[in-house]
C-alpha cells in the first residue's frame, strides 16, 4: 500500500494526528530527494548505484530513527502486513541484540516496511558503484555519497514538526528548531533500542485478529 492510500485509510481516526504529518514528511522527502538526485546526476554525469535488492546499508550501518518513525513502522506492520510477515518480523526482533547490525525488518533481502522506512533510509544514496557488505562508504568513498539538499532537509523537517506532540506551531519556531538540530536530537541508533514494546504490540494485534 502506498503512502497516499495509507493517509486515506487513517483519515478521521485517532492515529491520523501524528501519522499523517509523518507520512507527509516522507512524501515531501521522496519527491524533493528525487529532484535533488536528478540534479546531481545531470551535473556530474554520474549515476545512482542504489537499486532494489541492494541491501548493504541494511546490514552494516547503524540506522538511526525516531520514536515517531518506530510508531509508523508499528502501524504498518500491524495494520498492513499479513500475519505470516508479522510473525517473521517478530522472530527477527526477538533475536535482535545490541551486537546485531542487520536491520530486523530486512526479510528475504527486502525491506518489509519499505513504504514506512525511516528518513535516514530514504536519504542515503551512493554514486556509480554499489557498496560492499563490509564497506563504510563514509570512509572509503565519501565523495560518492549523494545526499538531498539542505533546503530539502529543512522542508522535510517542517512537515515532520507538524506532529502535534512537538508543540511547534509557527514556521519561525520550526526554522529555529531545525537550525538547532532537532532532527538529529530525536534520533537513536536502532541497535541500542529496546524492541520489546513493538514485539508486544505485534503479538497483541495478531492475537486480537485471531479472536
N, C-alpha and C. Protein backbone atom coordinates (compact mmCIF):
# COMPACT_ATOMS: atom_id res chain seq x y z
N UNK A 1 0.85 -1.19 0.00
CA UNK A 1 0.00 0.00 0.00
C UNK A 1 0.88 1.24 0.00
N UNK A 2 0.60 2.17 -0.94
CA UNK A 2 1.44 3.37 -0.99
C UNK A 2 1.01 4.37 0.08
N UNK A 3 1.83 5.39 0.25
CA UNK A 3 1.64 6.32 1.37
C UNK A 3 0.33 7.09 1.28
N UNK A 4 -0.05 7.53 0.09
CA UNK A 4 -1.29 8.30 -0.05
C UNK A 4 -2.51 7.46 0.30
N UNK A 5 -2.46 6.18 -0.02
CA UNK A 5 -3.57 5.29 0.33
C UNK A 5 -3.64 5.08 1.84
N UNK A 6 -2.48 5.07 2.49
CA UNK A 6 -2.48 4.95 3.95
C UNK A 6 -3.10 6.19 4.58
N UNK A 7 -2.79 7.37 4.02
CA UNK A 7 -3.41 8.60 4.52
C UNK A 7 -4.92 8.50 4.40
N UNK A 8 -5.41 8.04 3.25
CA UNK A 8 -6.86 7.88 3.05
C UNK A 8 -7.43 6.91 4.08
N UNK A 9 -6.69 5.86 4.37
CA UNK A 9 -7.16 4.82 5.30
C UNK A 9 -7.29 5.35 6.73
N UNK A 10 -6.35 6.20 7.15
CA UNK A 10 -6.34 6.63 8.56
C UNK A 10 -7.07 7.94 8.79
N UNK A 11 -7.42 8.67 7.73
CA UNK A 11 -8.10 9.95 7.90
C UNK A 11 -9.38 9.77 8.73
N UNK A 12 -9.51 10.58 9.77
CA UNK A 12 -10.67 10.50 10.65
C UNK A 12 -10.49 9.56 11.82
N UNK A 13 -9.33 8.91 11.91
CA UNK A 13 -9.04 8.02 13.03
C UNK A 13 -8.06 8.69 13.99
N UNK A 14 -7.95 8.20 15.22
CA UNK A 14 -7.05 8.84 16.20
C UNK A 14 -5.58 8.89 15.76
N UNK A 15 -5.12 7.89 15.02
CA UNK A 15 -3.70 7.87 14.64
C UNK A 15 -3.36 8.93 13.60
N UNK A 16 -4.39 9.48 12.95
CA UNK A 16 -4.14 10.45 11.88
C UNK A 16 -3.38 11.67 12.36
N UNK A 17 -3.57 12.05 13.63
CA UNK A 17 -2.96 13.29 14.14
C UNK A 17 -1.45 13.28 14.02
N UNK A 18 -0.84 12.11 14.23
CA UNK A 18 0.62 12.02 14.12
C UNK A 18 1.09 11.28 12.88
N UNK A 19 0.29 10.32 12.40
CA UNK A 19 0.73 9.51 11.26
C UNK A 19 0.67 10.30 9.95
N UNK A 20 -0.35 11.14 9.79
CA UNK A 20 -0.44 11.93 8.55
C UNK A 20 0.73 12.90 8.41
N UNK A 21 1.09 13.68 9.46
CA UNK A 21 2.29 14.53 9.33
C UNK A 21 3.56 13.73 9.06
N UNK A 22 3.68 12.55 9.66
CA UNK A 22 4.84 11.71 9.41
C UNK A 22 4.90 11.29 7.94
N UNK A 23 3.77 10.84 7.42
CA UNK A 23 3.72 10.42 6.02
C UNK A 23 3.95 11.61 5.09
N UNK A 24 3.40 12.76 5.44
CA UNK A 24 3.63 13.95 4.61
C UNK A 24 5.11 14.31 4.57
N UNK A 25 5.80 14.11 5.68
CA UNK A 25 7.25 14.34 5.69
C UNK A 25 7.95 13.37 4.75
N UNK A 26 7.51 12.11 4.77
CA UNK A 26 8.09 11.11 3.86
C UNK A 26 7.81 11.46 2.40
N UNK A 27 6.57 11.87 2.11
CA UNK A 27 6.21 12.23 0.73
C UNK A 27 7.03 13.42 0.25
N UNK A 28 7.16 14.43 1.11
CA UNK A 28 7.98 15.59 0.77
C UNK A 28 9.42 15.18 0.53
N UNK A 29 9.93 14.35 1.41
CA UNK A 29 11.31 13.88 1.27
C UNK A 29 11.51 13.15 -0.05
N UNK A 30 10.63 12.21 -0.36
CA UNK A 30 10.80 11.39 -1.56
C UNK A 30 10.74 12.23 -2.83
N UNK A 31 9.78 13.14 -2.87
CA UNK A 31 9.62 13.98 -4.07
C UNK A 31 10.82 14.91 -4.26
N UNK A 32 11.21 15.59 -3.20
CA UNK A 32 12.29 16.56 -3.31
C UNK A 32 13.65 15.86 -3.49
N UNK A 33 13.83 14.72 -2.83
CA UNK A 33 15.10 14.00 -2.98
C UNK A 33 15.27 13.49 -4.40
N UNK A 34 14.19 13.02 -5.00
CA UNK A 34 14.26 12.58 -6.39
C UNK A 34 14.73 13.72 -7.29
N UNK A 35 14.21 14.91 -7.05
CA UNK A 35 14.64 16.08 -7.83
C UNK A 35 16.11 16.41 -7.57
N UNK A 36 16.52 16.35 -6.31
CA UNK A 36 17.91 16.64 -5.96
C UNK A 36 18.87 15.65 -6.62
N UNK A 37 18.51 14.38 -6.60
CA UNK A 37 19.37 13.36 -7.19
C UNK A 37 19.47 13.52 -8.71
N UNK A 38 18.38 13.90 -9.34
CA UNK A 38 18.41 14.15 -10.78
C UNK A 38 19.37 15.30 -11.10
N UNK A 39 19.37 16.32 -10.26
CA UNK A 39 20.28 17.45 -10.46
C UNK A 39 21.73 17.00 -10.33
N UNK A 40 22.01 16.14 -9.34
CA UNK A 40 23.37 15.64 -9.15
C UNK A 40 23.80 14.82 -10.36
N UNK A 41 22.94 13.95 -10.84
CA UNK A 41 23.25 13.11 -12.00
C UNK A 41 23.49 13.97 -13.23
N UNK A 42 22.61 14.94 -13.45
CA UNK A 42 22.74 15.81 -14.63
C UNK A 42 24.00 16.67 -14.57
N UNK A 43 24.35 17.10 -13.36
CA UNK A 43 25.51 17.98 -13.20
C UNK A 43 26.82 17.22 -13.31
N UNK A 44 26.86 16.01 -12.79
CA UNK A 44 28.13 15.27 -12.70
C UNK A 44 28.29 14.20 -13.79
N UNK A 45 27.19 13.79 -14.39
CA UNK A 45 27.26 12.70 -15.35
C UNK A 45 27.41 11.34 -14.70
N UNK A 46 27.29 11.28 -13.40
CA UNK A 46 27.41 10.02 -12.67
C UNK A 46 26.02 9.39 -12.51
N UNK A 47 25.98 8.19 -11.98
CA UNK A 47 24.70 7.51 -11.83
C UNK A 47 24.49 7.09 -10.37
N UNK A 48 23.23 6.94 -10.00
CA UNK A 48 22.89 6.44 -8.67
C UNK A 48 23.03 4.92 -8.68
N UNK A 49 23.85 4.40 -7.78
CA UNK A 49 24.12 2.96 -7.76
C UNK A 49 23.04 2.17 -7.02
N UNK A 50 22.32 2.82 -6.13
CA UNK A 50 21.32 2.13 -5.31
C UNK A 50 20.21 1.55 -6.19
N UNK A 51 19.77 0.36 -5.85
CA UNK A 51 18.73 -0.32 -6.63
C UNK A 51 17.98 -1.28 -5.72
N UNK A 52 16.77 -1.71 -6.15
CA UNK A 52 16.05 -2.73 -5.37
C UNK A 52 16.89 -3.99 -5.23
N UNK A 53 16.94 -4.53 -4.02
CA UNK A 53 17.72 -5.74 -3.78
C UNK A 53 19.12 -5.48 -3.26
N UNK A 54 19.58 -4.24 -3.34
CA UNK A 54 20.87 -3.89 -2.77
C UNK A 54 20.66 -3.64 -1.28
N UNK A 55 21.28 -4.44 -0.44
CA UNK A 55 20.97 -4.40 1.00
C UNK A 55 22.19 -4.11 1.88
N UNK A 56 23.26 -3.63 1.29
CA UNK A 56 24.49 -3.41 2.07
C UNK A 56 24.25 -2.49 3.26
N UNK A 57 23.56 -1.37 3.02
CA UNK A 57 23.36 -0.41 4.11
C UNK A 57 22.37 -0.93 5.14
N UNK A 58 21.59 -1.96 4.78
CA UNK A 58 20.67 -2.58 5.73
C UNK A 58 21.40 -3.55 6.66
N UNK A 59 22.63 -3.89 6.29
CA UNK A 59 23.36 -4.93 7.02
C UNK A 59 24.57 -4.43 7.78
N UNK A 60 25.10 -3.27 7.39
CA UNK A 60 26.36 -2.86 8.03
C UNK A 60 26.33 -1.44 8.58
N UNK A 61 25.15 -0.83 8.63
CA UNK A 61 25.05 0.54 9.13
C UNK A 61 24.24 0.58 10.42
N UNK A 62 24.60 1.50 11.28
CA UNK A 62 23.80 1.73 12.49
C UNK A 62 22.70 2.72 12.13
N UNK A 63 21.56 2.19 11.76
CA UNK A 63 20.44 3.02 11.30
C UNK A 63 19.86 3.79 12.48
N UNK A 64 19.64 5.08 12.28
CA UNK A 64 19.05 5.90 13.33
C UNK A 64 17.61 6.24 12.96
N UNK A 65 16.78 6.33 13.97
CA UNK A 65 15.38 6.67 13.75
C UNK A 65 14.77 7.23 15.02
N UNK A 66 13.60 7.85 14.85
CA UNK A 66 12.92 8.50 15.97
C UNK A 66 11.77 7.64 16.47
N UNK A 67 11.23 8.00 17.62
CA UNK A 67 10.10 7.27 18.19
C UNK A 67 8.89 7.32 17.28
N UNK A 68 8.70 8.45 16.58
CA UNK A 68 7.55 8.57 15.69
C UNK A 68 7.71 7.66 14.48
N UNK A 69 8.93 7.49 14.00
CA UNK A 69 9.16 6.58 12.88
C UNK A 69 8.93 5.13 13.31
N UNK A 70 9.30 4.81 14.53
CA UNK A 70 9.03 3.48 15.06
C UNK A 70 7.52 3.25 15.14
N UNK A 71 6.79 4.28 15.58
CA UNK A 71 5.33 4.17 15.66
C UNK A 71 4.74 3.95 14.27
N UNK A 72 5.30 4.63 13.27
CA UNK A 72 4.83 4.44 11.90
C UNK A 72 5.09 3.03 11.41
N UNK A 73 6.26 2.51 11.74
CA UNK A 73 6.60 1.13 11.37
C UNK A 73 5.65 0.16 12.07
N UNK A 74 5.36 0.41 13.34
CA UNK A 74 4.45 -0.44 14.10
C UNK A 74 3.07 -0.46 13.45
N UNK A 75 2.59 0.73 13.07
CA UNK A 75 1.29 0.80 12.40
C UNK A 75 1.30 -0.03 11.12
N UNK A 76 2.34 0.11 10.33
CA UNK A 76 2.41 -0.58 9.05
C UNK A 76 2.43 -2.10 9.24
N UNK A 77 3.22 -2.55 10.20
CA UNK A 77 3.31 -3.99 10.45
C UNK A 77 1.95 -4.55 10.90
N UNK A 78 1.32 -3.86 11.84
CA UNK A 78 0.08 -4.37 12.43
C UNK A 78 -1.13 -4.22 11.52
N UNK A 79 -1.18 -3.12 10.78
CA UNK A 79 -2.39 -2.81 10.02
C UNK A 79 -2.31 -3.19 8.54
N UNK A 80 -1.12 -3.30 8.01
CA UNK A 80 -0.98 -3.52 6.56
C UNK A 80 -0.42 -4.90 6.23
N UNK A 81 0.58 -5.35 6.96
CA UNK A 81 1.22 -6.63 6.63
C UNK A 81 0.37 -7.82 7.07
N UNK A 82 0.57 -8.95 6.40
CA UNK A 82 -0.19 -10.15 6.76
C UNK A 82 0.44 -10.85 7.96
N UNK A 83 -0.27 -11.82 8.49
CA UNK A 83 0.14 -12.48 9.73
C UNK A 83 1.49 -13.19 9.57
N UNK A 84 1.72 -13.81 8.43
CA UNK A 84 2.99 -14.51 8.21
C UNK A 84 4.17 -13.55 8.31
N UNK A 85 4.05 -12.39 7.67
CA UNK A 85 5.14 -11.42 7.72
C UNK A 85 5.28 -10.85 9.13
N UNK A 86 4.18 -10.63 9.81
CA UNK A 86 4.24 -10.16 11.19
C UNK A 86 5.04 -11.14 12.05
N UNK A 87 4.77 -12.42 11.89
CA UNK A 87 5.47 -13.45 12.68
C UNK A 87 6.96 -13.49 12.34
N UNK A 88 7.29 -13.30 11.08
CA UNK A 88 8.69 -13.33 10.69
C UNK A 88 9.45 -12.13 11.26
N UNK A 89 8.79 -10.99 11.28
CA UNK A 89 9.42 -9.80 11.85
C UNK A 89 9.61 -9.97 13.36
N UNK A 90 8.60 -10.49 14.03
CA UNK A 90 8.72 -10.75 15.47
C UNK A 90 9.89 -11.69 15.75
N UNK A 91 10.03 -12.72 14.93
CA UNK A 91 11.13 -13.67 15.11
C UNK A 91 12.48 -12.97 15.01
N UNK A 92 12.63 -12.07 14.04
CA UNK A 92 13.90 -11.36 13.90
C UNK A 92 14.11 -10.36 15.03
N UNK A 93 13.04 -9.70 15.45
CA UNK A 93 13.15 -8.73 16.55
C UNK A 93 13.55 -9.43 17.84
N UNK A 94 13.02 -10.61 18.08
CA UNK A 94 13.33 -11.34 19.31
C UNK A 94 14.77 -11.82 19.34
N UNK A 95 15.37 -11.97 18.17
CA UNK A 95 16.78 -12.39 18.10
C UNK A 95 17.72 -11.20 17.92
N UNK A 96 17.16 -10.01 17.87
CA UNK A 96 17.95 -8.80 17.63
C UNK A 96 18.62 -8.36 18.93
N UNK A 97 19.91 -8.07 18.88
CA UNK A 97 20.65 -7.64 20.07
C UNK A 97 21.45 -6.38 19.75
N UNK A 98 22.08 -5.83 20.77
CA UNK A 98 22.89 -4.62 20.60
C UNK A 98 24.10 -4.88 19.72
N UNK A 99 24.43 -6.16 19.52
CA UNK A 99 25.57 -6.52 18.67
C UNK A 99 25.15 -6.75 17.21
N UNK A 100 23.85 -6.76 16.98
CA UNK A 100 23.35 -7.04 15.64
C UNK A 100 23.36 -5.77 14.80
N UNK A 101 23.90 -5.86 13.60
CA UNK A 101 23.89 -4.72 12.70
C UNK A 101 22.80 -4.83 11.64
N UNK A 102 22.49 -6.05 11.22
CA UNK A 102 21.47 -6.20 10.17
C UNK A 102 20.11 -5.75 10.67
N UNK A 103 19.44 -4.94 9.88
CA UNK A 103 18.12 -4.42 10.25
C UNK A 103 17.14 -5.58 10.43
N UNK A 104 16.38 -5.58 11.52
CA UNK A 104 15.43 -6.67 11.76
C UNK A 104 14.25 -6.68 10.80
N UNK A 105 14.08 -5.59 10.06
CA UNK A 105 12.97 -5.52 9.11
C UNK A 105 13.38 -5.97 7.71
N UNK A 106 14.62 -6.40 7.57
CA UNK A 106 15.09 -6.95 6.30
C UNK A 106 14.68 -8.42 6.23
N UNK A 107 13.74 -8.73 5.36
CA UNK A 107 13.21 -10.08 5.21
C UNK A 107 13.39 -10.52 3.76
N UNK A 108 14.02 -11.65 3.56
CA UNK A 108 14.27 -12.16 2.20
C UNK A 108 14.97 -11.12 1.33
N UNK A 109 15.92 -10.42 1.93
CA UNK A 109 16.72 -9.42 1.22
C UNK A 109 15.90 -8.23 0.73
N UNK A 110 14.75 -8.01 1.35
CA UNK A 110 13.90 -6.87 1.01
C UNK A 110 13.44 -6.18 2.30
N UNK A 111 13.21 -4.88 2.20
CA UNK A 111 12.69 -4.15 3.36
C UNK A 111 11.20 -4.45 3.50
N UNK A 112 10.83 -5.06 4.61
CA UNK A 112 9.44 -5.45 4.83
C UNK A 112 8.54 -4.27 5.17
N UNK A 113 9.15 -3.14 5.53
CA UNK A 113 8.36 -1.95 5.91
C UNK A 113 8.69 -0.79 4.96
N UNK A 114 9.03 -1.10 3.74
CA UNK A 114 9.59 -0.12 2.81
C UNK A 114 8.81 1.19 2.72
N UNK A 115 7.49 1.19 2.58
CA UNK A 115 6.78 2.48 2.49
C UNK A 115 6.98 3.37 3.73
N UNK A 116 7.13 2.75 4.90
CA UNK A 116 7.30 3.50 6.16
C UNK A 116 8.73 3.41 6.68
N UNK A 117 9.68 3.12 5.82
CA UNK A 117 11.08 3.07 6.26
C UNK A 117 11.51 4.44 6.77
N UNK A 118 12.47 4.49 7.69
CA UNK A 118 12.88 5.76 8.31
C UNK A 118 13.49 6.75 7.33
N UNK A 119 13.57 7.99 7.77
CA UNK A 119 14.13 9.06 6.93
C UNK A 119 15.55 8.76 6.49
N UNK A 120 16.37 8.25 7.40
CA UNK A 120 17.77 8.01 7.05
C UNK A 120 17.88 7.00 5.91
N UNK A 121 16.98 6.02 5.88
CA UNK A 121 16.99 5.03 4.80
C UNK A 121 16.57 5.65 3.47
N UNK A 122 15.75 6.69 3.55
CA UNK A 122 15.29 7.36 2.34
C UNK A 122 16.33 8.36 1.84
N UNK A 123 17.25 8.74 2.71
CA UNK A 123 18.18 9.83 2.42
C UNK A 123 19.46 9.35 1.75
N UNK A 124 19.98 8.23 2.21
CA UNK A 124 21.33 7.80 1.84
C UNK A 124 21.36 7.20 0.44
N UNK A 125 22.18 7.76 -0.44
CA UNK A 125 22.38 7.22 -1.79
C UNK A 125 23.86 7.26 -2.14
N UNK A 126 24.28 6.31 -2.97
CA UNK A 126 25.68 6.20 -3.37
C UNK A 126 25.78 6.26 -4.89
N UNK A 127 26.85 6.88 -5.36
CA UNK A 127 27.05 7.05 -6.79
C UNK A 127 27.93 5.96 -7.39
N UNK A 128 27.63 5.62 -8.64
CA UNK A 128 28.46 4.80 -9.54
C UNK A 128 28.55 3.32 -9.18
N UNK A 129 28.98 3.00 -7.97
CA UNK A 129 29.23 1.60 -7.62
C UNK A 129 28.53 1.24 -6.32
N UNK A 130 27.86 0.09 -6.31
CA UNK A 130 27.18 -0.37 -5.11
C UNK A 130 28.17 -0.59 -3.97
N UNK A 131 27.69 -0.43 -2.76
CA UNK A 131 28.51 -0.69 -1.58
C UNK A 131 28.71 -2.20 -1.43
N UNK A 132 29.83 -2.56 -0.87
CA UNK A 132 30.02 -3.95 -0.46
C UNK A 132 29.49 -4.10 0.96
N UNK A 133 29.24 -5.34 1.37
CA UNK A 133 28.60 -5.59 2.66
C UNK A 133 29.42 -5.02 3.82
N UNK A 134 30.74 -5.11 3.75
CA UNK A 134 31.58 -4.66 4.86
C UNK A 134 32.07 -3.22 4.69
N UNK A 135 31.61 -2.53 3.66
CA UNK A 135 32.16 -1.21 3.35
C UNK A 135 31.47 -0.10 4.12
N UNK A 136 32.25 0.80 4.67
CA UNK A 136 31.75 2.05 5.24
C UNK A 136 32.07 3.14 4.23
N UNK A 137 31.08 3.50 3.43
CA UNK A 137 31.31 4.42 2.31
C UNK A 137 31.76 5.79 2.78
N UNK A 138 31.36 6.17 4.00
CA UNK A 138 31.78 7.47 4.52
C UNK A 138 33.29 7.54 4.69
N UNK A 139 33.93 6.37 4.78
CA UNK A 139 35.39 6.30 4.91
C UNK A 139 36.04 5.98 3.57
N UNK A 140 35.51 4.97 2.88
CA UNK A 140 36.15 4.50 1.64
C UNK A 140 35.88 5.40 0.45
N UNK A 141 34.66 5.96 0.37
CA UNK A 141 34.30 6.76 -0.80
C UNK A 141 33.38 7.92 -0.41
N UNK A 142 33.83 8.81 0.45
CA UNK A 142 32.94 9.89 0.90
C UNK A 142 32.43 10.76 -0.24
N UNK A 143 33.20 10.89 -1.30
CA UNK A 143 32.77 11.72 -2.43
C UNK A 143 31.72 11.04 -3.30
N UNK A 144 31.45 9.77 -3.00
CA UNK A 144 30.44 9.04 -3.76
C UNK A 144 29.07 9.07 -3.09
N UNK A 145 28.98 9.72 -1.95
CA UNK A 145 27.70 9.81 -1.24
C UNK A 145 26.89 10.97 -1.82
N UNK A 146 25.66 10.68 -2.20
CA UNK A 146 24.77 11.70 -2.74
C UNK A 146 23.63 11.94 -1.75
N UNK A 147 23.55 13.15 -1.24
CA UNK A 147 22.55 13.48 -0.24
C UNK A 147 21.61 14.57 -0.76
N UNK A 148 20.39 14.61 -0.23
CA UNK A 148 19.48 15.70 -0.59
C UNK A 148 20.04 17.05 -0.14
N UNK A 149 19.52 18.10 -0.70
CA UNK A 149 19.98 19.45 -0.37
C UNK A 149 19.56 19.85 1.04
N UNK A 150 20.22 20.86 1.56
CA UNK A 150 19.85 21.41 2.87
C UNK A 150 18.42 21.95 2.83
N UNK A 151 18.04 22.51 1.70
CA UNK A 151 16.67 23.03 1.54
C UNK A 151 15.65 21.90 1.66
N UNK A 152 15.97 20.76 1.04
CA UNK A 152 15.09 19.60 1.16
C UNK A 152 15.00 19.14 2.61
N UNK A 153 16.14 19.06 3.28
CA UNK A 153 16.15 18.64 4.68
C UNK A 153 15.28 19.54 5.54
N UNK A 154 15.32 20.85 5.26
CA UNK A 154 14.51 21.80 6.02
C UNK A 154 13.02 21.58 5.77
N UNK A 155 12.64 21.43 4.51
CA UNK A 155 11.23 21.23 4.18
C UNK A 155 10.69 19.94 4.81
N UNK A 156 11.50 18.91 4.81
CA UNK A 156 11.09 17.64 5.43
C UNK A 156 10.91 17.83 6.93
N UNK A 157 11.84 18.53 7.55
CA UNK A 157 11.74 18.78 8.99
C UNK A 157 10.49 19.58 9.33
N UNK A 158 10.18 20.57 8.51
CA UNK A 158 8.99 21.39 8.77
C UNK A 158 7.72 20.54 8.75
N UNK A 159 7.65 19.59 7.82
CA UNK A 159 6.50 18.68 7.78
C UNK A 159 6.50 17.77 9.00
N UNK A 160 7.66 17.24 9.34
CA UNK A 160 7.80 16.34 10.48
C UNK A 160 7.38 17.03 11.77
N UNK A 161 7.73 18.28 11.89
CA UNK A 161 7.43 19.02 13.13
C UNK A 161 5.97 19.42 13.24
N UNK A 162 5.16 19.07 12.24
CA UNK A 162 3.71 19.25 12.35
C UNK A 162 3.08 18.19 13.25
N UNK A 163 3.85 17.16 13.59
CA UNK A 163 3.35 16.17 14.55
C UNK A 163 3.04 16.91 15.85
N UNK A 164 1.79 16.85 16.33
CA UNK A 164 1.37 17.72 17.44
C UNK A 164 2.15 17.55 18.73
N UNK A 165 2.72 16.37 18.95
CA UNK A 165 3.47 16.14 20.19
C UNK A 165 4.68 17.06 20.33
N UNK A 166 5.16 17.63 19.24
CA UNK A 166 6.27 18.57 19.33
C UNK A 166 5.83 19.91 19.90
N UNK A 167 4.56 20.25 19.74
CA UNK A 167 4.05 21.53 20.23
C UNK A 167 4.62 22.73 19.50
N UNK A 168 5.00 22.54 18.25
CA UNK A 168 5.59 23.62 17.45
C UNK A 168 4.58 24.03 16.38
N UNK A 169 4.17 25.29 16.40
CA UNK A 169 3.08 25.70 15.52
C UNK A 169 3.51 26.65 14.41
N UNK A 170 4.47 27.51 14.65
CA UNK A 170 4.80 28.53 13.67
C UNK A 170 6.02 28.15 12.85
N UNK A 171 6.10 28.72 11.65
CA UNK A 171 7.25 28.45 10.78
C UNK A 171 8.54 28.95 11.40
N UNK A 172 8.47 30.08 12.08
CA UNK A 172 9.69 30.61 12.71
C UNK A 172 10.20 29.67 13.79
N UNK A 173 9.29 29.05 14.54
CA UNK A 173 9.69 28.06 15.55
C UNK A 173 10.33 26.85 14.89
N UNK A 174 9.74 26.42 13.78
CA UNK A 174 10.28 25.26 13.06
C UNK A 174 11.69 25.55 12.55
N UNK A 175 11.87 26.75 12.00
CA UNK A 175 13.19 27.12 11.48
C UNK A 175 14.22 27.14 12.60
N UNK A 176 13.82 27.65 13.75
CA UNK A 176 14.74 27.72 14.89
C UNK A 176 15.12 26.31 15.36
N UNK A 177 14.12 25.44 15.48
CA UNK A 177 14.39 24.07 15.95
C UNK A 177 15.23 23.31 14.93
N UNK A 178 14.97 23.52 13.65
CA UNK A 178 15.76 22.86 12.62
C UNK A 178 17.21 23.31 12.69
N UNK A 179 17.41 24.60 12.85
CA UNK A 179 18.76 25.15 12.94
C UNK A 179 19.49 24.60 14.16
N UNK A 180 18.74 24.34 15.23
CA UNK A 180 19.33 23.82 16.47
C UNK A 180 19.52 22.30 16.44
N UNK A 181 19.20 21.68 15.30
CA UNK A 181 19.48 20.26 15.14
C UNK A 181 18.48 19.31 15.76
N UNK A 182 17.21 19.73 15.81
CA UNK A 182 16.22 18.89 16.46
C UNK A 182 16.07 17.52 15.81
N UNK A 183 16.25 17.46 14.49
CA UNK A 183 16.03 16.18 13.81
C UNK A 183 17.06 15.13 14.24
N UNK A 184 18.27 15.55 14.51
CA UNK A 184 19.27 14.61 14.99
C UNK A 184 19.07 14.29 16.47
N UNK A 185 18.60 15.27 17.23
CA UNK A 185 18.42 15.08 18.66
C UNK A 185 17.37 14.02 18.99
N UNK A 186 16.39 13.86 18.11
CA UNK A 186 15.31 12.91 18.40
C UNK A 186 15.61 11.50 17.86
N UNK A 187 16.75 11.34 17.22
CA UNK A 187 17.11 10.05 16.63
C UNK A 187 17.95 9.20 17.59
N UNK A 188 17.78 7.89 17.49
CA UNK A 188 18.59 6.95 18.27
C UNK A 188 19.02 5.80 17.37
N UNK A 189 20.22 5.25 17.60
CA UNK A 189 20.66 4.09 16.80
C UNK A 189 19.75 2.89 17.03
N UNK A 190 19.37 2.25 15.96
CA UNK A 190 18.44 1.13 16.03
C UNK A 190 18.91 0.03 16.97
N UNK A 191 20.21 -0.29 16.94
CA UNK A 191 20.71 -1.42 17.72
C UNK A 191 20.80 -1.12 19.22
N UNK A 192 20.57 0.15 19.60
CA UNK A 192 20.60 0.50 21.02
C UNK A 192 19.21 0.54 21.64
N UNK A 193 18.18 0.33 20.83
CA UNK A 193 16.81 0.46 21.31
C UNK A 193 16.29 -0.85 21.87
N UNK A 194 15.31 -0.73 22.76
CA UNK A 194 14.61 -1.89 23.30
C UNK A 194 13.35 -2.12 22.45
N UNK A 195 13.31 -3.25 21.76
CA UNK A 195 12.22 -3.51 20.82
C UNK A 195 11.10 -4.34 21.44
N UNK A 196 11.14 -4.56 22.75
CA UNK A 196 10.14 -5.42 23.39
C UNK A 196 8.73 -4.85 23.25
N UNK A 197 8.61 -3.52 23.29
CA UNK A 197 7.28 -2.91 23.19
C UNK A 197 6.68 -3.17 21.81
N UNK A 198 7.48 -3.04 20.76
CA UNK A 198 6.99 -3.30 19.41
C UNK A 198 6.62 -4.78 19.26
N UNK A 199 7.45 -5.66 19.79
CA UNK A 199 7.15 -7.09 19.73
C UNK A 199 5.80 -7.38 20.39
N UNK A 200 5.57 -6.79 21.57
CA UNK A 200 4.31 -6.99 22.29
C UNK A 200 3.14 -6.45 21.49
N UNK A 201 3.32 -5.28 20.86
CA UNK A 201 2.25 -4.70 20.05
C UNK A 201 1.85 -5.62 18.91
N UNK A 202 2.85 -6.14 18.20
CA UNK A 202 2.57 -7.01 17.06
C UNK A 202 1.87 -8.28 17.52
N UNK A 203 2.36 -8.89 18.60
CA UNK A 203 1.76 -10.12 19.11
C UNK A 203 0.33 -9.87 19.58
N UNK A 204 0.10 -8.75 20.26
CA UNK A 204 -1.23 -8.42 20.75
C UNK A 204 -2.20 -8.22 19.58
N UNK A 205 -1.74 -7.49 18.57
CA UNK A 205 -2.60 -7.24 17.41
C UNK A 205 -2.91 -8.55 16.69
N UNK A 206 -1.90 -9.39 16.52
CA UNK A 206 -2.08 -10.67 15.84
C UNK A 206 -3.04 -11.56 16.61
N UNK A 207 -2.93 -11.54 17.94
CA UNK A 207 -3.81 -12.33 18.78
C UNK A 207 -5.25 -11.86 18.68
N UNK A 208 -5.44 -10.54 18.63
CA UNK A 208 -6.79 -9.98 18.51
C UNK A 208 -7.42 -10.33 17.17
N UNK A 209 -6.59 -10.44 16.13
CA UNK A 209 -7.10 -10.83 14.82
C UNK A 209 -7.66 -12.24 14.84
N UNK A 210 -7.06 -13.09 15.66
CA UNK A 210 -7.47 -14.49 15.71
C UNK A 210 -8.68 -14.73 16.60
N UNK A 211 -8.97 -13.76 17.47
CA UNK A 211 -10.07 -13.96 18.43
C UNK A 211 -11.42 -13.56 17.85
